[in-house]
């Protein structure tokens, strides 16, 4: 049995929805450079992540790739970086 030593991708994002059971929607923003003009453009992606820690909307979390847990969910909340201001 070969051991899988690949590093899993980890990204930070903001929780925009926690209305599902043990699942949160995380908005991940990144900046990409425009091909012709060179200006940096903000792009975003919404990920569904498995949440055992009880995240609230507005929290900044770190998520990591994992095996597929459902049809749309293949990320897992690793830690809560900062809590939302109440």
PDB file of N, CA and C in Angstrom:
ATOM      1  N   UNK A   1       0.823  -1.175   0.000  1.00  0.00           N
ATOM      2  CA  UNK A   1       0.000   0.000   0.000  1.00  0.00           C
ATOM      3  C   UNK A   1       0.877   1.252   0.000  1.00  0.00           C
ATOM      4  N   UNK A   2       0.748   2.043  -1.041  1.00  0.00           N
ATOM      5  CA  UNK A   2       1.560   3.253  -1.111  1.00  0.00           C
ATOM      6  C   UNK A   2       0.894   4.369  -0.315  1.00  0.00           C
ATOM      7  N   UNK A   3       1.717   5.144   0.351  1.00  0.00           N
ATOM      8  CA  UNK A   3       1.210   6.233   1.178  1.00  0.00           C
ATOM      9  C   UNK A   3       1.095   7.488   0.327  1.00  0.00           C
ATOM     10  N   UNK A   4      -0.004   8.219   0.461  1.00  0.00           N
ATOM     11  CA  UNK A   4      -0.237   9.421  -0.330  1.00  0.00           C
ATOM     12  C   UNK A   4       0.351  10.617   0.406  1.00  0.00           C
ATOM     13  N   UNK A   5       1.480  11.138  -0.070  1.00  0.00           N
ATOM     14  CA  UNK A   5       2.175  12.230   0.606  1.00  0.00           C
ATOM     15  C   UNK A   5       1.903  13.590  -0.011  1.00  0.00           C
ATOM     16  N   UNK A   6       0.875  13.708  -0.845  1.00  0.00           N
ATOM     17  CA  UNK A   6       0.606  14.992  -1.481  1.00  0.00           C
ATOM     18  C   UNK A   6       0.017  15.967  -0.469  1.00  0.00           C
ATOM     19  N   UNK A   7       0.421  17.237  -0.604  1.00  0.00           N
ATOM     20  CA  UNK A   7      -0.107  18.295   0.252  1.00  0.00           C
ATOM     21  C   UNK A   7      -1.505  18.661  -0.221  1.00  0.00           C
ATOM     22  N   UNK A   8      -2.449  18.727   0.690  1.00  0.00           N
ATOM     23  CA  UNK A   8      -3.798  19.140   0.334  1.00  0.00           C
ATOM     24  C   UNK A   8      -3.868  20.650   0.277  1.00  0.00           C
ATOM     25  N   UNK A   9      -4.624  21.158  -0.666  1.00  0.00           N
ATOM     26  CA  UNK A   9      -4.762  22.599  -0.840  1.00  0.00           C
ATOM     27  C   UNK A   9      -5.566  23.177   0.316  1.00  0.00           C
ATOM     28  N   UNK A  10      -5.097  24.302   0.863  1.00  0.00           N
ATOM     29  CA  UNK A  10      -5.757  24.983   1.963  1.00  0.00           C
ATOM     30  C   UNK A  10      -5.962  26.436   1.580  1.00  0.00           C
ATOM     31  N   UNK A  11      -7.185  26.955   1.770  1.00  0.00           N
ATOM     32  CA  UNK A  11      -7.496  28.338   1.443  1.00  0.00           C
ATOM     33  C   UNK A  11      -8.281  28.966   2.591  1.00  0.00           C
ATOM     34  N   UNK A  12      -8.274  30.305   2.638  1.00  0.00           N
ATOM     35  CA  UNK A  12      -9.040  31.039   3.637  1.00  0.00           C
ATOM     36  C   UNK A  12     -10.194  31.743   2.960  1.00  0.00           C
ATOM     37  N   UNK A  13     -11.306  31.828   3.675  1.00  0.00           N
ATOM     38  CA  UNK A  13     -12.467  32.502   3.132  1.00  0.00           C
ATOM     39  C   UNK A  13     -13.422  32.910   4.229  1.00  0.00           C
ATOM     40  N   UNK A  14     -14.520  33.561   3.830  1.00  0.00           N
ATOM     41  CA  UNK A  14     -15.515  34.075   4.765  1.00  0.00           C
ATOM     42  C   UNK A  14     -16.787  33.257   4.635  1.00  0.00           C
ATOM     43  N   UNK A  15     -17.368  32.886   5.775  1.00  0.00           N
ATOM     44  CA  UNK A  15     -18.601  32.104   5.784  1.00  0.00           C
ATOM     45  C   UNK A  15     -19.761  33.026   5.404  1.00  0.00           C
ATOM     46  N   UNK A  16     -20.489  32.659   4.341  1.00  0.00           N
ATOM     47  CA  UNK A  16     -21.617  33.474   3.897  1.00  0.00           C
ATOM     48  C   UNK A  16     -22.949  32.803   4.203  1.00  0.00           C
ATOM     49  N   UNK A  17     -22.942  31.505   4.521  1.00  0.00           N
ATOM     50  CA  UNK A  17     -24.181  30.817   4.865  1.00  0.00           C
ATOM     51  C   UNK A  17     -23.869  29.628   5.760  1.00  0.00           C
ATOM     52  N   UNK A  18     -24.683  29.469   6.815  1.00  0.00           N
ATOM     53  CA  UNK A  18     -24.556  28.288   7.679  1.00  0.00           C
ATOM     54  C   UNK A  18     -25.932  27.684   7.943  1.00  0.00           C
ATOM     55  N   UNK A  19     -26.816  27.761   6.978  1.00  0.00           N
ATOM     56  CA  UNK A  19     -28.191  27.317   7.147  1.00  0.00           C
ATOM     57  C   UNK A  19     -28.366  25.807   6.981  1.00  0.00           C
ATOM     58  N   UNK A  20     -27.340  25.116   6.509  1.00  0.00           N
ATOM     59  CA  UNK A  20     -27.410  23.671   6.353  1.00  0.00           C
ATOM     60  C   UNK A  20     -26.856  22.997   7.603  1.00  0.00           C
ATOM     61  N   UNK A  21     -27.158  21.730   7.778  1.00  0.00           N
ATOM     62  CA  UNK A  21     -26.648  20.988   8.922  1.00  0.00           C
ATOM     63  C   UNK A  21     -25.229  20.517   8.639  1.00  0.00           C
ATOM     64  N   UNK A  22     -24.287  20.932   9.480  1.00  0.00           N
ATOM     65  CA  UNK A  22     -22.870  20.555   9.379  1.00  0.00           C
ATOM     66  C   UNK A  22     -22.233  20.950   8.055  1.00  0.00           C
ATOM     67  N   UNK A  23     -22.781  21.949   7.383  1.00  0.00           N
ATOM     68  CA  UNK A  23     -22.216  22.436   6.125  1.00  0.00           C
ATOM     69  C   UNK A  23     -22.266  23.951   6.122  1.00  0.00           C
ATOM     70  N   UNK A  24     -21.189  24.578   5.683  1.00  0.00           N
ATOM     71  CA  UNK A  24     -21.162  26.030   5.525  1.00  0.00           C
ATOM     72  C   UNK A  24     -20.754  26.354   4.094  1.00  0.00           C
ATOM     73  N   UNK A  25     -21.197  27.520   3.625  1.00  0.00           N
ATOM     74  CA  UNK A  25     -20.774  28.024   2.329  1.00  0.00           C
ATOM     75  C   UNK A  25     -19.696  29.066   2.585  1.00  0.00           C
ATOM     76  N   UNK A  26     -18.536  28.888   1.968  1.00  0.00           N
ATOM     77  CA  UNK A  26     -17.383  29.756   2.189  1.00  0.00           C
ATOM     78  C   UNK A  26     -17.077  30.497   0.900  1.00  0.00           C
ATOM     79  N   UNK A  27     -16.970  31.832   0.986  1.00  0.00           N
ATOM     80  CA  UNK A  27     -16.624  32.664  -0.159  1.00  0.00           C
ATOM     81  C   UNK A  27     -15.119  32.900  -0.135  1.00  0.00           C
ATOM     82  N   UNK A  28     -14.429  32.416  -1.162  1.00  0.00           N
ATOM     83  CA  UNK A  28     -12.974  32.561  -1.265  1.00  0.00           C
ATOM     84  C   UNK A  28     -12.695  33.579  -2.359  1.00  0.00           C
ATOM     85  N   UNK A  29     -11.980  34.651  -2.021  1.00  0.00           N
ATOM     86  CA  UNK A  29     -11.645  35.681  -2.999  1.00  0.00           C
ATOM     87  C   UNK A  29     -10.168  35.600  -3.339  1.00  0.00           C
ATOM     88  N   UNK A  30      -9.862  35.853  -4.608  1.00  0.00           N
ATOM     89  CA  UNK A  30      -8.473  35.885  -5.065  1.00  0.00           C
ATOM     90  C   UNK A  30      -8.330  37.019  -6.067  1.00  0.00           C
ATOM     91  N   UNK A  31      -7.108  37.438  -6.313  1.00  0.00           N
ATOM     92  CA  UNK A  31      -6.861  38.492  -7.282  1.00  0.00           C
ATOM     93  C   UNK A  31      -6.069  37.906  -8.438  1.00  0.00           C
ATOM     94  N   UNK A  32      -6.573  38.146  -9.663  1.00  0.00           N
ATOM     95  CA  UNK A  32      -5.881  37.679 -10.859  1.00  0.00           C
ATOM     96  C   UNK A  32      -5.545  38.884 -11.722  1.00  0.00           C
ATOM     97  N   UNK A  33      -4.448  38.778 -12.426  1.00  0.00           N
ATOM     98  CA  UNK A  33      -3.996  39.874 -13.271  1.00  0.00           C
ATOM     99  C   UNK A  33      -4.666  39.774 -14.634  1.00  0.00           C
ATOM    100  N   UNK A  34      -5.202  40.885 -15.128  1.00  0.00           N
ATOM    101  CA  UNK A  34      -5.831  40.913 -16.442  1.00  0.00           C
ATOM    102  C   UNK A  34      -4.759  40.656 -17.501  1.00  0.00           C
ATOM    103  N   UNK A  35      -5.082  39.833 -18.473  1.00  0.00           N
ATOM    104  CA  UNK A  35      -4.091  39.418 -19.459  1.00  0.00           C
ATOM    105  C   UNK A  35      -3.562  40.555 -20.310  1.00  0.00           C
ATOM    106  N   UNK A  36      -4.425  41.492 -20.715  1.00  0.00           N
ATOM    107  CA  UNK A  36      -4.016  42.560 -21.621  1.00  0.00           C
ATOM    108  C   UNK A  36      -3.618  43.827 -20.874  1.00  0.00           C
ATOM    109  N   UNK A  37      -4.427  44.231 -19.915  1.00  0.00           N
ATOM    110  CA  UNK A  37      -4.221  45.536 -19.268  1.00  0.00           C
ATOM    111  C   UNK A  37      -3.380  45.477 -18.002  1.00  0.00           C
ATOM    112  N   UNK A  38      -3.215  44.305 -17.409  1.00  0.00           N
ATOM    113  CA  UNK A  38      -2.343  44.172 -16.250  1.00  0.00           C
ATOM    114  C   UNK A  38      -2.975  44.580 -14.937  1.00  0.00           C
ATOM    115  N   UNK A  39      -4.218  45.043 -14.965  1.00  0.00           N
ATOM    116  CA  UNK A  39      -4.888  45.437 -13.732  1.00  0.00           C
ATOM    117  C   UNK A  39      -5.320  44.175 -12.978  1.00  0.00           C
ATOM    118  N   UNK A  40      -5.244  44.224 -11.642  1.00  0.00           N
ATOM    119  CA  UNK A  40      -5.661  43.088 -10.840  1.00  0.00           C
ATOM    120  C   UNK A  40      -7.171  43.125 -10.644  1.00  0.00           C
ATOM    121  N   UNK A  41      -7.810  41.991 -10.894  1.00  0.00           N
ATOM    122  CA  UNK A  41      -9.259  41.864 -10.812  1.00  0.00           C
ATOM    123  C   UNK A  41      -9.581  40.902  -9.681  1.00  0.00           C
ATOM    124  N   UNK A  42     -10.604  41.203  -8.910  1.00  0.00           N
ATOM    125  CA  UNK A  42     -11.019  40.338  -7.810  1.00  0.00           C
ATOM    126  C   UNK A  42     -11.993  39.288  -8.333  1.00  0.00           C
ATOM    127  N   UNK A  43     -11.657  38.026  -8.113  1.00  0.00           N
ATOM    128  CA  UNK A  43     -12.505  36.903  -8.499  1.00  0.00           C
ATOM    129  C   UNK A  43     -12.887  36.139  -7.227  1.00  0.00           C
ATOM    130  N   UNK A  44     -14.068  35.544  -7.217  1.00  0.00           N
ATOM    131  CA  UNK A  44     -14.499  34.818  -6.031  1.00  0.00           C
ATOM    132  C   UNK A  44     -15.082  33.470  -6.405  1.00  0.00           C
ATOM    133  N   UNK A  45     -15.023  32.548  -5.448  1.00  0.00           N
ATOM    134  CA  UNK A  45     -15.539  31.203  -5.607  1.00  0.00           C
ATOM    135  C   UNK A  45     -16.273  30.829  -4.323  1.00  0.00           C
ATOM    136  N   UNK A  46     -17.434  30.195  -4.466  1.00  0.00           N
ATOM    137  CA  UNK A  46     -18.157  29.703  -3.295  1.00  0.00           C
ATOM    138  C   UNK A  46     -17.918  28.200  -3.173  1.00  0.00           C
ATOM    139  N   UNK A  47     -17.502  27.780  -1.979  1.00  0.00           N
ATOM    140  CA  UNK A  47     -17.239  26.378  -1.696  1.00  0.00           C
ATOM    141  C   UNK A  47     -18.177  25.899  -0.601  1.00  0.00           C
ATOM    142  N   UNK A  48     -18.613  24.646  -0.676  1.00  0.00           N
ATOM    143  CA  UNK A  48     -19.342  24.029   0.422  1.00  0.00           C
ATOM    144  C   UNK A  48     -18.341  23.242   1.240  1.00  0.00           C
ATOM    145  N   UNK A  49     -18.331  23.469   2.561  1.00  0.00           N
ATOM    146  CA  UNK A  49     -17.350  22.824   3.425  1.00  0.00           C
ATOM    147  C   UNK A  49     -18.042  22.153   4.603  1.00  0.00           C
ATOM    148  N   UNK A  50     -17.502  21.019   5.009  1.00  0.00           N
ATOM    149  CA  UNK A  50     -18.014  20.284   6.168  1.00  0.00           C
ATOM    150  C   UNK A  50     -17.574  21.012   7.432  1.00  0.00           C
ATOM    151  N   UNK A  51     -18.532  21.237   8.352  1.00  0.00           N
ATOM    152  CA  UNK A  51     -18.262  22.047   9.539  1.00  0.00           C
ATOM    153  C   UNK A  51     -18.696  21.296  10.784  1.00  0.00           C
ATOM    154  N   UNK A  52     -17.730  20.880  11.599  1.00  0.00           N
ATOM    155  CA  UNK A  52     -18.025  20.257  12.889  1.00  0.00           C
ATOM    156  C   UNK A  52     -17.857  21.253  14.027  1.00  0.00           C
ATOM    157  N   UNK A  53     -17.313  22.460  13.737  1.00  0.00           N
ATOM    158  CA  UNK A  53     -16.950  23.403  14.783  1.00  0.00           C
ATOM    159  C   UNK A  53     -18.018  24.450  15.068  1.00  0.00           C
ATOM    160  N   UNK A  54     -19.064  24.516  14.269  1.00  0.00           N
ATOM    161  CA  UNK A  54     -20.143  25.466  14.523  1.00  0.00           C
ATOM    162  C   UNK A  54     -19.805  26.880  14.102  1.00  0.00           C
ATOM    163  N   UNK A  55     -19.459  27.087  12.847  1.00  0.00           N
ATOM    164  CA  UNK A  55     -19.133  28.417  12.333  1.00  0.00           C
ATOM    165  C   UNK A  55     -20.401  29.246  12.178  1.00  0.00           C
ATOM    166  N   UNK A  56     -20.248  30.558  12.327  1.00  0.00           N
ATOM    167  CA  UNK A  56     -21.346  31.501  12.127  1.00  0.00           C
ATOM    168  C   UNK A  56     -21.083  32.317  10.872  1.00  0.00           C
ATOM    169  N   UNK A  57     -22.109  32.979  10.355  1.00  0.00           N
ATOM    170  CA  UNK A  57     -21.932  33.834   9.181  1.00  0.00           C
ATOM    171  C   UNK A  57     -20.990  34.970   9.532  1.00  0.00           C
ATOM    172  N   UNK A  58     -20.062  35.258   8.630  1.00  0.00           N
ATOM    173  CA  UNK A  58     -19.093  36.330   8.832  1.00  0.00           C
ATOM    174  C   UNK A  58     -17.765  35.866   9.385  1.00  0.00           C
ATOM    175  N   UNK A  59     -17.688  34.639   9.874  1.00  0.00           N
ATOM    176  CA  UNK A  59     -16.416  34.114  10.376  1.00  0.00           C
ATOM    177  C   UNK A  59     -15.438  33.928   9.224  1.00  0.00           C
ATOM    178  N   UNK A  60     -14.161  34.158   9.500  1.00  0.00           N
ATOM    179  CA  UNK A  60     -13.108  33.854   8.533  1.00  0.00           C
ATOM    180  C   UNK A  60     -12.551  32.494   8.927  1.00  0.00           C
ATOM    181  N   UNK A  61     -12.580  31.546   7.964  1.00  0.00           N
ATOM    182  CA  UNK A  61     -12.178  30.174   8.256  1.00  0.00           C
ATOM    183  C   UNK A  61     -11.121  29.708   7.268  1.00  0.00           C
ATOM    184  N   UNK A  62     -10.387  28.681   7.666  1.00  0.00           N
ATOM    185  CA  UNK A  62      -9.430  28.022   6.786  1.00  0.00           C
ATOM    186  C   UNK A  62     -10.011  26.659   6.431  1.00  0.00           C
ATOM    187  N   UNK A  63     -10.116  26.382   5.125  1.00  0.00           N
ATOM    188  CA  UNK A  63     -10.680  25.118   4.666  1.00  0.00           C
ATOM    189  C   UNK A  63      -9.625  24.346   3.878  1.00  0.00           C
ATOM    190  N   UNK A  64      -9.736  23.034   3.924  1.00  0.00           N
ATOM    191  CA  UNK A  64      -8.786  22.161   3.247  1.00  0.00           C
ATOM    192  C   UNK A  64      -9.550  21.162   2.389  1.00  0.00           C
ATOM    193  N   UNK A  65      -8.925  20.750   1.287  1.00  0.00           N
ATOM    194  CA  UNK A  65      -9.531  19.749   0.419  1.00  0.00           C
ATOM    195  C   UNK A  65      -9.630  18.408   1.147  1.00  0.00           C
ATOM    196  N   UNK A  66     -10.645  17.646   0.792  1.00  0.00           N
ATOM    197  CA  UNK A  66     -10.783  16.305   1.341  1.00  0.00           C
ATOM    198  C   UNK A  66     -11.505  15.442   0.314  1.00  0.00           C
ATOM    199  N   UNK A  67     -11.774  14.210   0.670  1.00  0.00           N
ATOM    200  CA  UNK A  67     -12.503  13.320  -0.224  1.00  0.00           C
ATOM    201  C   UNK A  67     -13.925  13.843  -0.396  1.00  0.00           C
ATOM    202  N   UNK A  68     -14.615  13.478  -1.464  1.00  0.00           N
ATOM    203  CA  UNK A  68     -15.999  13.933  -1.633  1.00  0.00           C
ATOM    204  C   UNK A  68     -16.895  13.413  -0.509  1.00  0.00           C
ATOM    205  N   UNK A  69     -17.558  14.351   0.169  1.00  0.00           N
ATOM    206  CA  UNK A  69     -18.463  13.995   1.261  1.00  0.00           C
ATOM    207  C   UNK A  69     -19.917  13.971   0.802  1.00  0.00           C
ATOM    208  N   UNK A  70     -20.214  14.676  -0.276  1.00  0.00           N
ATOM    209  CA  UNK A  70     -21.536  14.659  -0.883  1.00  0.00           C
ATOM    210  C   UNK A  70     -21.366  15.114  -2.329  1.00  0.00           C
ATOM    211  N   UNK A  71     -22.481  15.391  -2.992  1.00  0.00           N
ATOM    212  CA  UNK A  71     -22.414  15.787  -4.402  1.00  0.00           C
ATOM    213  C   UNK A  71     -21.614  17.072  -4.603  1.00  0.00           C
ATOM    214  N   UNK A  72     -21.782  18.048  -3.713  1.00  0.00           N
ATOM    215  CA  UNK A  72     -21.121  19.349  -3.885  1.00  0.00           C
ATOM    216  C   UNK A  72     -20.068  19.638  -2.828  1.00  0.00           C
ATOM    217  N   UNK A  73     -19.896  18.752  -1.864  1.00  0.00           N
ATOM    218  CA  UNK A  73     -19.043  19.070  -0.716  1.00  0.00           C
ATOM    219  C   UNK A  73     -17.782  18.221  -0.713  1.00  0.00           C
ATOM    220  N   UNK A  74     -16.628  18.856  -0.971  1.00  0.00           N
ATOM    221  CA  UNK A  74     -15.346  18.149  -0.862  1.00  0.00           C
ATOM    222  C   UNK A  74     -14.280  19.037  -0.226  1.00  0.00           C
ATOM    223  N   UNK A  75     -14.695  19.875   0.717  1.00  0.00           N
ATOM    224  CA  UNK A  75     -13.807  20.694   1.529  1.00  0.00           C
ATOM    225  C   UNK A  75     -14.199  20.493   2.987  1.00  0.00           C
ATOM    226  N   UNK A  76     -13.253  20.750   3.900  1.00  0.00           N
ATOM    227  CA  UNK A  76     -13.488  20.567   5.331  1.00  0.00           C
ATOM    228  C   UNK A  76     -12.932  21.784   6.075  1.00  0.00           C
ATOM    229  N   UNK A  77     -13.686  22.312   7.046  1.00  0.00           N
ATOM    230  CA  UNK A  77     -13.214  23.443   7.848  1.00  0.00           C
ATOM    231  C   UNK A  77     -12.131  22.937   8.785  1.00  0.00           C
ATOM    232  N   UNK A  78     -10.931  23.532   8.668  1.00  0.00           N
ATOM    233  CA  UNK A  78      -9.795  23.124   9.489  1.00  0.00           C
ATOM    234  C   UNK A  78      -9.760  23.937  10.772  1.00  0.00           C
ATOM    235  N   UNK A  79      -9.915  25.267  10.644  1.00  0.00           N
ATOM    236  CA  UNK A  79      -9.899  26.123  11.831  1.00  0.00           C
ATOM    237  C   UNK A  79     -10.647  27.408  11.556  1.00  0.00           C
ATOM    238  N   UNK A  80     -11.085  28.043  12.639  1.00  0.00           N
ATOM    239  CA  UNK A  80     -11.730  29.353  12.552  1.00  0.00           C
ATOM    240  C   UNK A  80     -10.639  30.386  12.826  1.00  0.00           C
ATOM    241  N   UNK A  81     -10.305  31.190  11.820  1.00  0.00           N
ATOM    242  CA  UNK A  81      -9.224  32.167  11.949  1.00  0.00           C
ATOM    243  C   UNK A  81      -9.681  33.330  12.800  1.00  0.00           C
ATOM    244  N   UNK A  82     -10.872  33.876  12.522  1.00  0.00           N
ATOM    245  CA  UNK A  82     -11.409  34.959  13.340  1.00  0.00           C
ATOM    246  C   UNK A  82     -12.924  34.883  13.342  1.00  0.00           C
ATOM    247  N   UNK A  83     -13.497  35.239  14.478  1.00  0.00           N
ATOM    248  CA  UNK A  83     -14.948  35.228  14.629  1.00  0.00           C
ATOM    249  C   UNK A  83     -15.552  36.514  14.087  1.00  0.00           C
ATOM    250  N   UNK A  84     -16.812  36.454  13.705  1.00  0.00           N
ATOM    251  CA  UNK A  84     -17.521  37.632  13.190  1.00  0.00           C
ATOM    252  C   UNK A  84     -17.825  38.575  14.352  1.00  0.00           C
ATOM    253  N   UNK A  85     -17.775  39.861  14.067  1.00  0.00           N
ATOM    254  CA  UNK A  85     -18.130  40.863  15.076  1.00  0.00           C
ATOM    255  C   UNK A  85     -19.643  40.860  15.233  1.00  0.00           C
ATOM    256  N   UNK A  86     -20.109  40.718  16.448  1.00  0.00           N
ATOM    257  CA  UNK A  86     -21.547  40.652  16.692  1.00  0.00           C
ATOM    258  C   UNK A  86     -22.148  42.014  16.894  1.00  0.00           C
TER     259      UNK A  86
END
